[in-house]
PDB file of N, CA and C in Angstrom:
ATOM      1  N   MET A   1      14.078 -13.758 -27.614  1.00  0.00           N
ATOM      2  CA  MET A   1      14.537 -12.774 -26.655  1.00  0.00           C
ATOM      3  C   MET A   1      13.328 -12.027 -26.102  1.00  0.00           C
ATOM      4  N   SER A   2      13.360 -11.694 -24.837  1.00  0.00           N
ATOM      5  CA  SER A   2      12.259 -10.955 -24.231  1.00  0.00           C
ATOM      6  C   SER A   2      12.776  -9.667 -23.602  1.00  0.00           C
ATOM      7  N   LEU A   3      11.856  -8.806 -23.240  1.00  0.00           N
ATOM      8  CA  LEU A   3      12.215  -7.549 -22.595  1.00  0.00           C
ATOM      9  C   LEU A   3      12.490  -7.772 -21.117  1.00  0.00           C
ATOM     10  N   THR A   4      13.358  -6.966 -20.558  1.00  0.00           N
ATOM     11  CA  THR A   4      13.650  -6.990 -19.132  1.00  0.00           C
ATOM     12  C   THR A   4      13.341  -5.616 -18.554  1.00  0.00           C
ATOM     13  N   ALA A   5      12.477  -5.560 -17.562  1.00  0.00           N
ATOM     14  CA  ALA A   5      12.157  -4.287 -16.919  1.00  0.00           C
ATOM     15  C   ALA A   5      13.344  -3.862 -16.049  1.00  0.00           C
ATOM     16  N   VAL A   6      13.761  -2.602 -16.164  1.00  0.00           N
ATOM     17  CA  VAL A   6      14.893  -2.106 -15.389  1.00  0.00           C
ATOM     18  C   VAL A   6      14.551  -0.856 -14.575  1.00  0.00           C
ATOM     19  N   MET A   7      13.503  -0.108 -14.991  1.00  0.00           N
ATOM     20  CA  MET A   7      13.170   1.117 -14.286  1.00  0.00           C
ATOM     21  C   MET A   7      11.713   1.475 -14.542  1.00  0.00           C
ATOM     22  N   ILE A   8      11.100   2.060 -13.525  1.00  0.00           N
ATOM     23  CA  ILE A   8       9.776   2.653 -13.652  1.00  0.00           C
ATOM     24  C   ILE A   8       9.976   4.145 -13.478  1.00  0.00           C
ATOM     25  N   THR A   9       9.437   4.956 -14.403  1.00  0.00           N
ATOM     26  CA  THR A   9       9.634   6.394 -14.372  1.00  0.00           C
ATOM     27  C   THR A   9       8.317   7.106 -14.124  1.00  0.00           C
ATOM     28  N   MET A  10       8.350   8.099 -13.225  1.00  0.00           N
ATOM     29  CA  MET A  10       7.170   8.886 -12.893  1.00  0.00           C
ATOM     30  C   MET A  10       7.379  10.326 -13.328  1.00  0.00           C
ATOM     31  N   ASP A  11       6.364  10.918 -13.927  1.00  0.00           N
ATOM     32  CA  ASP A  11       6.376  12.344 -14.229  1.00  0.00           C
ATOM     33  C   ASP A  11       6.093  13.099 -12.938  1.00  0.00           C
ATOM     34  N   CYS A  12       6.738  14.239 -12.771  1.00  0.00           N
ATOM     35  CA  CYS A  12       6.523  15.024 -11.552  1.00  0.00           C
ATOM     36  C   CYS A  12       6.990  16.458 -11.777  1.00  0.00           C
ATOM     37  N   ALA A  13       6.663  17.326 -10.821  1.00  0.00           N
ATOM     38  CA  ALA A  13       7.058  18.733 -10.901  1.00  0.00           C
ATOM     39  C   ALA A  13       8.450  18.970 -10.327  1.00  0.00           C
ATOM     40  N   GLU A  14       8.811  18.245  -9.268  1.00  0.00           N
ATOM     41  CA  GLU A  14      10.090  18.444  -8.584  1.00  0.00           C
ATOM     42  C   GLU A  14      10.812  17.108  -8.434  1.00  0.00           C
ATOM     43  N   PRO A  15      11.581  16.694  -9.439  1.00  0.00           N
ATOM     44  CA  PRO A  15      12.186  15.366  -9.409  1.00  0.00           C
ATOM     45  C   PRO A  15      13.135  15.110  -8.243  1.00  0.00           C
ATOM     46  N   GLN A  16      13.915  16.109  -7.829  1.00  0.00           N
ATOM     47  CA  GLN A  16      14.846  15.874  -6.722  1.00  0.00           C
ATOM     48  C   GLN A  16      14.096  15.575  -5.422  1.00  0.00           C
ATOM     49  N   GLU A  17      13.059  16.357  -5.137  1.00  0.00           N
ATOM     50  CA  GLU A  17      12.289  16.156  -3.911  1.00  0.00           C
ATOM     51  C   GLU A  17      11.589  14.806  -3.901  1.00  0.00           C
ATOM     52  N   LEU A  18      10.932  14.482  -5.002  1.00  0.00           N
ATOM     53  CA  LEU A  18      10.196  13.221  -5.044  1.00  0.00           C
ATOM     54  C   LEU A  18      11.147  12.029  -5.055  1.00  0.00           C
ATOM     55  N   ALA A  19      12.262  12.147  -5.750  1.00  0.00           N
ATOM     56  CA  ALA A  19      13.253  11.064  -5.761  1.00  0.00           C
ATOM     57  C   ALA A  19      13.806  10.826  -4.362  1.00  0.00           C
ATOM     58  N   GLN A  20      14.067  11.891  -3.627  1.00  0.00           N
ATOM     59  CA  GLN A  20      14.570  11.723  -2.259  1.00  0.00           C
ATOM     60  C   GLN A  20      13.527  11.054  -1.374  1.00  0.00           C
ATOM     61  N   TRP A  21      12.271  11.419  -1.546  1.00  0.00           N
ATOM     62  CA  TRP A  21      11.206  10.783  -0.765  1.00  0.00           C
ATOM     63  C   TRP A  21      11.171   9.286  -1.052  1.00  0.00           C
ATOM     64  N   TRP A  22      11.196   8.937  -2.333  1.00  0.00           N
ATOM     65  CA  TRP A  22      11.146   7.522  -2.701  1.00  0.00           C
ATOM     66  C   TRP A  22      12.405   6.779  -2.280  1.00  0.00           C
ATOM     67  N   ALA A  23      13.568   7.414  -2.361  1.00  0.00           N
ATOM     68  CA  ALA A  23      14.800   6.760  -1.901  1.00  0.00           C
ATOM     69  C   ALA A  23      14.660   6.374  -0.432  1.00  0.00           C
ATOM     70  N   THR A  24      14.121   7.269   0.370  1.00  0.00           N
ATOM     71  CA  THR A  24      13.887   6.963   1.783  1.00  0.00           C
ATOM     72  C   THR A  24      12.843   5.864   1.935  1.00  0.00           C
ATOM     73  N   ALA A  25      11.756   5.953   1.163  1.00  0.00           N
ATOM     74  CA  ALA A  25      10.657   4.987   1.274  1.00  0.00           C
ATOM     75  C   ALA A  25      11.095   3.565   0.946  1.00  0.00           C
ATOM     76  N   VAL A  26      11.931   3.400  -0.079  1.00  0.00           N
ATOM     77  CA  VAL A  26      12.312   2.046  -0.516  1.00  0.00           C
ATOM     78  C   VAL A  26      13.693   1.624  -0.028  1.00  0.00           C
ATOM     79  N   GLY A  27      14.348   2.485   0.745  1.00  0.00           N
ATOM     80  CA  GLY A  27      15.693   2.144   1.221  1.00  0.00           C
ATOM     81  C   GLY A  27      16.717   2.164   0.100  1.00  0.00           C
ATOM     82  N   GLY A  28      16.485   3.023  -0.883  1.00  0.00           N
ATOM     83  CA  GLY A  28      17.414   3.149  -2.005  1.00  0.00           C
ATOM     84  C   GLY A  28      18.272   4.388  -1.864  1.00  0.00           C
ATOM     85  N   GLU A  29      18.891   4.776  -2.957  1.00  0.00           N
ATOM     86  CA  GLU A  29      19.726   5.975  -2.947  1.00  0.00           C
ATOM     87  C   GLU A  29      19.677   6.642  -4.304  1.00  0.00           C
ATOM     88  N   ILE A  30      19.922   7.953  -4.313  1.00  0.00           N
ATOM     89  CA  ILE A  30      19.986   8.690  -5.578  1.00  0.00           C
ATOM     90  C   ILE A  30      21.231   8.199  -6.320  1.00  0.00           C
ATOM     91  N   ALA A  31      21.023   7.666  -7.516  1.00  0.00           N
ATOM     92  CA  ALA A  31      22.135   7.136  -8.300  1.00  0.00           C
ATOM     93  C   ALA A  31      22.634   8.163  -9.306  1.00  0.00           C
ATOM     94  N   GLN A  32      21.707   8.877  -9.954  1.00  0.00           N
ATOM     95  CA  GLN A  32      22.065   9.921 -10.909  1.00  0.00           C
ATOM     96  C   GLN A  32      21.077  11.068 -10.777  1.00  0.00           C
ATOM     97  N   ASP A  33      21.594  12.281 -10.930  1.00  0.00           N
ATOM     98  CA  ASP A  33      20.755  13.472 -10.909  1.00  0.00           C
ATOM     99  C   ASP A  33      21.138  14.319 -12.108  1.00  0.00           C
ATOM    100  N   TYR A  34      20.261  14.349 -13.105  1.00  0.00           N
ATOM    101  CA  TYR A  34      20.506  15.104 -14.321  1.00  0.00           C
ATOM    102  C   TYR A  34      19.700  16.401 -14.340  1.00  0.00           C
ATOM    103  N   GLY A  35      19.252  16.846 -13.176  1.00  0.00           N
ATOM    104  CA  GLY A  35      18.450  18.063 -13.096  1.00  0.00           C
ATOM    105  C   GLY A  35      16.976  17.781 -13.303  1.00  0.00           C
ATOM    106  N   ASP A  36      16.585  17.593 -14.550  1.00  0.00           N
ATOM    107  CA  ASP A  36      15.184  17.311 -14.857  1.00  0.00           C
ATOM    108  C   ASP A  36      14.853  15.825 -14.828  1.00  0.00           C
ATOM    109  N   PHE A  37      15.848  14.996 -14.545  1.00  0.00           N
ATOM    110  CA  PHE A  37      15.638  13.547 -14.479  1.00  0.00           C
ATOM    111  C   PHE A  37      16.548  12.979 -13.394  1.00  0.00           C
ATOM    112  N   VAL A  38      15.940  12.305 -12.426  1.00  0.00           N
ATOM    113  CA  VAL A  38      16.684  11.755 -11.295  1.00  0.00           C
ATOM    114  C   VAL A  38      16.377  10.266 -11.195  1.00  0.00           C
ATOM    115  N   ILE A  39      17.410   9.467 -10.943  1.00  0.00           N
ATOM    116  CA  ILE A  39      17.257   8.016 -10.840  1.00  0.00           C
ATOM    117  C   ILE A  39      17.586   7.563  -9.422  1.00  0.00           C
ATOM    118  N   VAL A  40      16.679   6.771  -8.856  1.00  0.00           N
ATOM    119  CA  VAL A  40      16.893   6.160  -7.550  1.00  0.00           C
ATOM    120  C   VAL A  40      17.259   4.701  -7.768  1.00  0.00           C
ATOM    121  N   LYS A  41      18.386   4.298  -7.220  1.00  0.00           N
ATOM    122  CA  LYS A  41      18.794   2.899  -7.273  1.00  0.00           C
ATOM    123  C   LYS A  41      17.973   2.155  -6.225  1.00  0.00           C
ATOM    124  N   ALA A  42      17.173   1.212  -6.676  1.00  0.00           N
ATOM    125  CA  ALA A  42      16.305   0.428  -5.800  1.00  0.00           C
ATOM    126  C   ALA A  42      16.242  -0.995  -6.330  1.00  0.00           C
ATOM    127  N   GLN A  43      15.718  -1.877  -5.540  1.00  0.00           N
ATOM    128  CA  GLN A  43      15.607  -3.277  -5.953  1.00  0.00           C
ATOM    129  C   GLN A  43      14.154  -3.691  -6.029  1.00  0.00           C
ATOM    130  N   PRO A  44      13.697  -4.424  -6.998  1.00  0.00           N
ATOM    131  CA  PRO A  44      14.490  -4.972  -8.084  1.00  0.00           C
ATOM    132  C   PRO A  44      14.599  -4.035  -9.289  1.00  0.00           C
ATOM    133  N   LEU A  45      13.865  -2.913  -9.270  1.00  0.00           N
ATOM    134  CA  LEU A  45      13.892  -1.959 -10.377  1.00  0.00           C
ATOM    135  C   LEU A  45      14.332  -0.595  -9.882  1.00  0.00           C
ATOM    136  N   ALA A  46      15.013   0.144 -10.729  1.00  0.00           N
ATOM    137  CA  ALA A  46      15.318   1.535 -10.427  1.00  0.00           C
ATOM    138  C   ALA A  46      14.037   2.349 -10.588  1.00  0.00           C
ATOM    139  N   LEU A  47      13.991   3.496  -9.928  1.00  0.00           N
ATOM    140  CA  LEU A  47      12.859   4.413 -10.058  1.00  0.00           C
ATOM    141  C   LEU A  47      13.371   5.711 -10.663  1.00  0.00           C
ATOM    142  N   GLY A  48      12.702   6.179 -11.714  1.00  0.00           N
ATOM    143  CA  GLY A  48      13.081   7.428 -12.365  1.00  0.00           C
ATOM    144  C   GLY A  48      12.027   8.492 -12.119  1.00  0.00           C
ATOM    145  N   PHE A  49      12.472   9.738 -12.037  1.00  0.00           N
ATOM    146  CA  PHE A  49      11.576  10.865 -11.800  1.00  0.00           C
ATOM    147  C   PHE A  49      11.943  11.958 -12.780  1.00  0.00           C
ATOM    148  N   GLN A  50      10.997  12.285 -13.679  1.00  0.00           N
ATOM    149  CA  GLN A  50      11.301  13.290 -14.700  1.00  0.00           C
ATOM    150  C   GLN A  50      10.346  14.469 -14.583  1.00  0.00           C
ATOM    151  N   ARG A  51      10.948  15.660 -14.719  1.00  0.00           N
ATOM    152  CA  ARG A  51      10.180  16.890 -14.624  1.00  0.00           C
ATOM    153  C   ARG A  51       9.290  17.048 -15.854  1.00  0.00           C
ATOM    154  N   VAL A  52       8.035  17.373 -15.606  1.00  0.00           N
ATOM    155  CA  VAL A  52       7.101  17.727 -16.668  1.00  0.00           C
ATOM    156  C   VAL A  52       6.414  19.021 -16.272  1.00  0.00           C
ATOM    157  N   ALA A  53       6.029  19.797 -17.257  1.00  0.00           N
ATOM    158  CA  ALA A  53       5.428  21.107 -16.989  1.00  0.00           C
ATOM    159  C   ALA A  53       3.956  20.998 -16.594  1.00  0.00           C
ATOM    160  N   GLU A  54       3.242  20.071 -17.183  1.00  0.00           N
ATOM    161  CA  GLU A  54       1.805  19.988 -16.923  1.00  0.00           C
ATOM    162  C   GLU A  54       1.517  19.339 -15.571  1.00  0.00           C
ATOM    163  N   GLU A  55       0.427  19.778 -14.952  1.00  0.00           N
ATOM    164  CA  GLU A  55       0.011  19.218 -13.676  1.00  0.00           C
ATOM    165  C   GLU A  55      -0.769  17.936 -13.900  1.00  0.00           C
ATOM    166  N   ARG A  56      -0.760  17.073 -12.893  1.00  0.00           N
ATOM    167  CA  ARG A  56      -1.566  15.862 -12.943  1.00  0.00           C
ATOM    168  C   ARG A  56      -3.036  16.274 -12.901  1.00  0.00           C
ATOM    169  N   ARG A  57      -3.834  15.638 -13.739  1.00  0.00           N
ATOM    170  CA  ARG A  57      -5.256  15.924 -13.740  1.00  0.00           C
ATOM    171  C   ARG A  57      -6.080  14.789 -13.158  1.00  0.00           C
ATOM    172  N   ASP A  58      -5.590  13.573 -13.307  1.00  0.00           N
ATOM    173  CA  ASP A  58      -6.333  12.408 -12.860  1.00  0.00           C
ATOM    174  C   ASP A  58      -5.396  11.439 -12.156  1.00  0.00           C
ATOM    175  N   LYS A  59      -5.958  10.329 -11.760  1.00  0.00           N
ATOM    176  CA  LYS A  59      -5.197   9.229 -11.173  1.00  0.00           C
ATOM    177  C   LYS A  59      -4.172   8.734 -12.198  1.00  0.00           C
ATOM    178  N   ASN A  60      -2.983   8.343 -11.714  1.00  0.00           N
ATOM    179  CA  ASN A  60      -1.991   7.805 -12.645  1.00  0.00           C
ATOM    180  C   ASN A  60      -2.505   6.498 -13.256  1.00  0.00           C
ATOM    181  N   ARG A  61      -2.121   6.250 -14.497  1.00  0.00           N
ATOM    182  CA  ARG A  61      -2.634   5.104 -15.243  1.00  0.00           C
ATOM    183  C   ARG A  61      -1.866   3.826 -14.960  1.00  0.00           C
ATOM    184  N   ILE A  62      -0.716   3.940 -14.343  1.00  0.00           N
ATOM    185  CA  ILE A  62       0.081   2.775 -13.976  1.00  0.00           C
ATOM    186  C   ILE A  62       0.610   3.037 -12.579  1.00  0.00           C
ATOM    187  N   HIS A  63       0.748   1.988 -11.798  1.00  0.00           N
ATOM    188  CA  HIS A  63       1.285   2.183 -10.455  1.00  0.00           C
ATOM    189  C   HIS A  63       2.131   0.980 -10.070  1.00  0.00           C
ATOM    190  N   VAL A  64       2.902   1.152  -9.011  1.00  0.00           N
ATOM    191  CA  VAL A  64       3.811   0.112  -8.547  1.00  0.00           C
ATOM    192  C   VAL A  64       3.191  -0.569  -7.329  1.00  0.00           C
ATOM    193  N   ASP A  65       3.315  -1.889  -7.258  1.00  0.00           N
ATOM    194  CA  ASP A  65       2.902  -2.656  -6.088  1.00  0.00           C
ATOM    195  C   ASP A  65       4.158  -3.099  -5.347  1.00  0.00           C
ATOM    196  N   PHE A  66       4.157  -2.899  -4.041  1.00  0.00           N
ATOM    197  CA  PHE A  66       5.285  -3.277  -3.198  1.00  0.00           C
ATOM    198  C   PHE A  66       4.843  -4.327  -2.192  1.00  0.00           C
ATOM    199  N   ALA A  67       5.693  -5.299  -1.955  1.00  0.00           N
ATOM    200  CA  ALA A  67       5.459  -6.284  -0.899  1.00  0.00           C
ATOM    201  C   ALA A  67       6.143  -5.779   0.363  1.00  0.00           C
ATOM    202  N   ALA A  68       5.412  -5.785   1.465  1.00  0.00           N
ATOM    203  CA  ALA A  68       5.978  -5.355   2.743  1.00  0.00           C
ATOM    204  C   ALA A  68       6.984  -6.389   3.226  1.00  0.00           C
ATOM    205  N   ALA A  69       8.016  -5.912   3.903  1.00  0.00           N
ATOM    206  CA  ALA A  69       8.999  -6.815   4.508  1.00  0.00           C
ATOM    207  C   ALA A  69       8.297  -7.665   5.561  1.00  0.00           C
ATOM    208  N   PRO A  70       8.583  -8.958   5.612  1.00  0.00           N
ATOM    209  CA  PRO A  70       7.904  -9.836   6.574  1.00  0.00           C
ATOM    210  C   PRO A  70       8.064  -9.384   8.027  1.00  0.00           C
ATOM    211  N   ASP A  71       9.208  -8.808   8.370  1.00  0.00           N
ATOM    212  CA  ASP A  71       9.422  -8.407   9.764  1.00  0.00           C
ATOM    213  C   ASP A  71       8.607  -7.176  10.155  1.00  0.00           C
ATOM    214  N   ARG A  72       8.148  -6.391   9.188  1.00  0.00           N
ATOM    215  CA  ARG A  72       7.368  -5.190   9.481  1.00  0.00           C
ATOM    216  C   ARG A  72       5.888  -5.418   9.217  1.00  0.00           C
ATOM    217  N   GLY A  73       5.564  -6.236   8.235  1.00  0.00           N
ATOM    218  CA  GLY A  73       4.175  -6.489   7.872  1.00  0.00           C
ATOM    219  C   GLY A  73       3.556  -5.309   7.145  1.00  0.00           C
ATOM    220  N   MET A  74       2.411  -5.562   6.522  1.00  0.00           N
ATOM    221  CA  MET A  74       1.752  -4.535   5.730  1.00  0.00           C
ATOM    222  C   MET A  74       1.356  -3.338   6.590  1.00  0.00           C
ATOM    223  N   ALA A  75       0.734  -3.569   7.738  1.00  0.00           N
ATOM    224  CA  ALA A  75       0.284  -2.461   8.585  1.00  0.00           C
ATOM    225  C   ALA A  75       1.464  -1.614   9.055  1.00  0.00           C
ATOM    226  N   GLY A  76       2.547  -2.239   9.431  1.00  0.00           N
ATOM    227  CA  GLY A  76       3.728  -1.503   9.874  1.00  0.00           C
ATOM    228  C   GLY A  76       4.346  -0.697   8.756  1.00  0.00           C
ATOM    229  N   GLU A  77       4.360  -1.266   7.554  1.00  0.00           N
ATOM    230  CA  GLU A  77       4.931  -0.568   6.399  1.00  0.00           C
ATOM    231  C   GLU A  77       4.061   0.621   6.016  1.00  0.00           C
ATOM    232  N   VAL A  78       2.756   0.423   6.020  1.00  0.00           N
ATOM    233  CA  VAL A  78       1.846   1.531   5.704  1.00  0.00           C
ATOM    234  C   VAL A  78       2.021   2.651   6.726  1.00  0.00           C
ATOM    235  N   GLU A  79       2.113   2.301   7.990  1.00  0.00           N
ATOM    236  CA  GLU A  79       2.320   3.291   9.049  1.00  0.00           C
ATOM    237  C   GLU A  79       3.620   4.070   8.824  1.00  0.00           C
ATOM    238  N   ARG A  80       4.700   3.370   8.466  1.00  0.00           N
ATOM    239  CA  ARG A  80       5.988   4.017   8.207  1.00  0.00           C
ATOM    240  C   ARG A  80       5.889   4.978   7.027  1.00  0.00           C
ATOM    241  N   LEU A  81       5.231   4.555   5.945  1.00  0.00           N
ATOM    242  CA  LEU A  81       5.110   5.394   4.755  1.00  0.00           C
ATOM    243  C   LEU A  81       4.245   6.626   5.021  1.00  0.00           C
ATOM    244  N   VAL A  82       3.191   6.463   5.790  1.00  0.00           N
ATOM    245  CA  VAL A  82       2.352   7.605   6.154  1.00  0.00           C
ATOM    246  C   VAL A  82       3.166   8.594   6.992  1.00  0.00           C
ATOM    247  N   ALA A  83       3.992   8.097   7.896  1.00  0.00           N
ATOM    248  CA  ALA A  83       4.848   8.972   8.706  1.00  0.00           C
ATOM    249  C   ALA A  83       5.833   9.739   7.823  1.00  0.00           C
ATOM    250  N   LEU A  84       6.213   9.153   6.677  1.00  0.00           N
ATOM    251  CA  LEU A  84       7.123   9.827   5.748  1.00  0.00           C
ATOM    252  C   LEU A  84       6.411  10.863   4.880  1.00  0.00           C
ATOM    253  N   GLY A  85       5.065  10.809   4.834  1.00  0.00           N
ATOM    254  CA  GLY A  85       4.321  11.784   4.039  1.00  0.00           C
ATOM    255  C   GLY A  85       3.366  11.195   3.031  1.00  0.00           C
ATOM    256  N   ALA A  86       3.247   9.871   2.971  1.00  0.00           N
ATOM    257  CA  ALA A  86       2.260   9.249   2.082  1.00  0.00           C
ATOM    258  C   ALA A  86       0.874   9.403   2.709  1.00  0.00           C
ATOM    259  N   SER A  87      -0.163   9.238   1.901  1.00  0.00           N
ATOM    260  CA  SER A  87      -1.523   9.251   2.421  1.00  0.00           C
ATOM    261  C   SER A  87      -2.241   7.996   1.940  1.00  0.00           C
ATOM    262  N   VAL A  88      -3.110   7.480   2.784  1.00  0.00           N
ATOM    263  CA  VAL A  88      -3.860   6.265   2.456  1.00  0.00           C
ATOM    264  C   VAL A  88      -5.060   6.637   1.600  1.00  0.00           C
ATOM    265  N   VAL A  89      -5.225   5.910   0.492  1.00  0.00           N
ATOM    266  CA  VAL A  89      -6.362   6.096  -0.400  1.00  0.00           C
ATOM    267  C   VAL A  89      -7.458   5.096  -0.050  1.00  0.00           C
ATOM    268  N   GLY A  90      -7.069   3.845   0.200  1.00  0.00           N
ATOM    269  CA  GLY A  90      -8.061   2.827   0.525  1.00  0.00           C
ATOM    270  C   GLY A  90      -7.415   1.486   0.797  1.00  0.00           C
ATOM    271  N   GLU A  91      -8.213   0.600   1.323  1.00  0.00           N
ATOM    272  CA  GLU A  91      -7.769  -0.768   1.593  1.00  0.00           C
ATOM    273  C   GLU A  91      -8.674  -1.716   0.836  1.00  0.00           C
ATOM    274  N   HIS A  92      -8.078  -2.782   0.290  1.00  0.00           N
ATOM    275  CA  HIS A  92      -8.822  -3.717  -0.544  1.00  0.00           C
ATOM    276  C   HIS A  92      -8.394  -5.145  -0.236  1.00  0.00           C
ATOM    277  N   SER A  93      -9.241  -6.074  -0.615  1.00  0.00           N
ATOM    278  CA  SER A  93      -8.855  -7.478  -0.473  1.00  0.00           C
ATOM    279  C   SER A  93      -9.559  -8.301  -1.533  1.00  0.00           C
ATOM    280  N   ALA A  94      -8.914  -9.383  -1.872  1.00  0.00           N
ATOM    281  CA  ALA A  94      -9.433 -10.412  -2.769  1.00  0.00           C
ATOM    282  C   ALA A  94      -9.018 -11.725  -2.118  1.00  0.00           C
ATOM    283  N   PRO A  95      -9.617 -12.815  -2.503  1.00  0.00           N
ATOM    284  CA  PRO A  95      -9.234 -14.081  -1.864  1.00  0.00           C
ATOM    285  C   PRO A  95      -7.716 -14.296  -1.888  1.00  0.00           C
ATOM    286  N   GLY A  96      -7.130 -14.372  -0.687  1.00  0.00           N
ATOM    287  CA  GLY A  96      -5.698 -14.624  -0.565  1.00  0.00           C
ATOM    288  C   GLY A  96      -4.808 -13.402  -0.668  1.00  0.00           C
ATOM    289  N   LEU A  97      -5.375 -12.198  -0.808  1.00  0.00           N
ATOM    290  CA  LEU A  97      -4.550 -10.995  -0.963  1.00  0.00           C
ATOM    291  C   LEU A  97      -5.258  -9.788  -0.355  1.00  0.00           C
ATOM    292  N   THR A  98      -4.533  -9.043   0.449  1.00  0.00           N
ATOM    293  CA  THR A  98      -5.013  -7.778   1.015  1.00  0.00           C
ATOM    294  C   THR A  98      -3.972  -6.724   0.687  1.00  0.00           C
ATOM    295  N   TRP A  99      -4.405  -5.513   0.312  1.00  0.00           N
ATOM    296  CA  TRP A  99      -3.459  -4.455  -0.015  1.00  0.00           C
ATOM    297  C   TRP A  99      -4.028  -3.091   0.361  1.00  0.00           C
ATOM    298  N   THR A 100      -3.110  -2.144   0.526  1.00  0.00           N
ATOM    299  CA  THR A 100      -3.467  -0.757   0.814  1.00  0.00           C
ATOM    300  C   THR A 100      -2.969   0.102  -0.334  1.00  0.00           C
ATOM    301  N   VAL A 101      -3.825   0.982  -0.818  1.00  0.00           N
ATOM    302  CA  VAL A 101      -3.461   1.944  -1.853  1.00  0.00           C
ATOM    303  C   VAL A 101      -3.070   3.239  -1.142  1.00  0.00           C
ATOM    304  N   LEU A 102      -1.914   3.788  -1.528  1.00  0.00           N
ATOM    305  CA  LEU A 102      -1.418   5.038  -0.941  1.00  0.00           C
ATOM    306  C   LEU A 102      -1.086   6.017  -2.051  1.00  0.00           C
ATOM    307  N   ARG A 103      -0.864   7.272  -1.655  1.00  0.00           N
ATOM    308  CA  ARG A 103      -0.367   8.314  -2.560  1.00  0.00           C
ATOM    309  C   ARG A 103       0.941   8.838  -1.995  1.00  0.00           C
ATOM    310  N   ASP A 104       1.936   9.039  -2.867  1.00  0.00           N
ATOM    311  CA  ASP A 104       3.170   9.685  -2.438  1.00  0.00           C
ATOM    312  C   ASP A 104       2.914  11.190  -2.324  1.00  0.00           C
ATOM    313  N   PRO A 105       3.874  11.983  -1.872  1.00  0.00           N
ATOM    314  CA  PRO A 105       3.642  13.424  -1.706  1.00  0.00           C
ATOM    315  C   PRO A 105       3.265  14.162  -2.993  1.00  0.00           C
ATOM    316  N   ASP A 106       3.545  13.567  -4.153  1.00  0.00           N
ATOM    317  CA  ASP A 106       3.202  14.201  -5.428  1.00  0.00           C
ATOM    318  C   ASP A 106       1.860  13.703  -5.970  1.00  0.00           C
ATOM    319  N   GLY A 107       1.216  12.770  -5.260  1.00  0.00           N
ATOM    320  CA  GLY A 107      -0.087  12.270  -5.685  1.00  0.00           C
ATOM    321  C   GLY A 107      -0.053  10.959  -6.460  1.00  0.00           C
ATOM    322  N   ASN A 108       1.142  10.396  -6.701  1.00  0.00           N
ATOM    323  CA  ASN A 108       1.240   9.117  -7.410  1.00  0.00           C
ATOM    324  C   ASN A 108       0.734   8.000  -6.514  1.00  0.00           C
ATOM    325  N   GLN A 109      -0.160   7.190  -7.040  1.00  0.00           N
ATOM    326  CA  GLN A 109      -0.681   6.070  -6.257  1.00  0.00           C
ATOM    327  C   GLN A 109       0.241   4.855  -6.371  1.00  0.00           C
ATOM    328  N   PHE A 110       0.321   4.098  -5.276  1.00  0.00           N
ATOM    329  CA  PHE A 110       1.064   2.851  -5.252  1.00  0.00           C
ATOM    330  C   PHE A 110       0.406   1.952  -4.220  1.00  0.00           C
ATOM    331  N   CYS A 111       0.714   0.683  -4.273  1.00  0.00           N
ATOM    332  CA  CYS A 111       0.100  -0.288  -3.363  1.00  0.00           C
ATOM    333  C   CYS A 111       1.142  -0.986  -2.522  1.00  0.00           C
ATOM    334  N   VAL A 112       0.725  -1.365  -1.320  1.00  0.00           N
ATOM    335  CA  VAL A 112       1.543  -2.184  -0.423  1.00  0.00           C
ATOM    336  C   VAL A 112       0.706  -3.380  -0.035  1.00  0.00           C
ATOM    337  N   HIS A 113       1.287  -4.551  -0.202  1.00  0.00           N
ATOM    338  CA  HIS A 113       0.583  -5.775   0.253  1.00  0.00           C
ATOM    339  C   HIS A 113       1.499  -6.610   1.087  1.00  0.00           C
TER     340      HIS A 113
END
C-alpha cells in the first residue's frame, strides 16, 4: 500500500483571505471553513490554509508547481495571476522546461510552467 496525496496545507495569518485568493487563482471553491483552517476544493489536490501566530521569516521550504492551461499558456497564466495579486520572483529554464516562480499575497512561493 502507498500513500495518496490529497491536500497541501499552507500556514498563514489570514486563512479566509488567502483561501479565497487561491480559490480564484485555481478555479476552485471554499469547501470548508473552520475559522482557523480553510479548505479549497481544487484539482488534483485540495489546498488547506491554517492560521499560525508566527510570521514567515524565510522562503517556504515546500512549494506547489502548476501547469498552465494549454489555451492560456505560461505567459498568459502568469499575467492573470499577477493581475490577481501575485508577484513574480524569477524565471528559470532547464532543458525542455521553462517556469516562473511567483509569490501569492501572503508571500508563499509557487511555480507555473
